[in-house]
């Protein structure tokens, strides 16, 4: 499968709590919902729809799964919501059990080796395995070179601190820009893939 990381991201790389004030206040983060003023439905909506059309399963960390599971089932009847509710969902968590995963199609990854389980999923035949939010999990996936595609909505704001998904380990990871679109709100919708060879040598 092809692992796709999709994130709303500030210009300084913050991905924490783009959707709402109470989404994730870890570390005293007080800018929850920062992404909403920059959402351009004409450009960003189709980018999300196209990503879902090529996706066969979703991958979540615990916090993001719980937030999604509390919101999407009650929206049944909308085509996008119906797709969210029916698609298989893999959850990385050390505290949830399979019995806790009441949202349809949700499956718990082995708590003691979620990264190994993701490697096995990537080795299977199939389409996109898309990661939504889940900053802590996403950071581990990047660190272990498991991301096949980055779909980043880079927003024109500096937040000055918060959770990021890119490792701070001193290692270069060259990427190739596949596409970019500019939204009316100044958001850059960019798709990157790991570059197999570095032109610089």
Foldseek 3Di string as FASTA:
>chain_A
DAEEEEAAAEQVFAGPQCCAQVLDCPPNQGCHVVNVVLDFCVPVVVVVVVVLVQAQEEEAEDSVLVVCLVPLVVVPPDVVSVSVQAHAYEYADPPDDQVNNPRPNYDYAPNVCNVVVLVVVVPDDGTYHYYYRRQVVLLVCVVVVNHFKYWYFYAHDDRPDHGGNHDPPPDDFDKDWDDWDAGPSGTIGTMIGTDPDDPVD
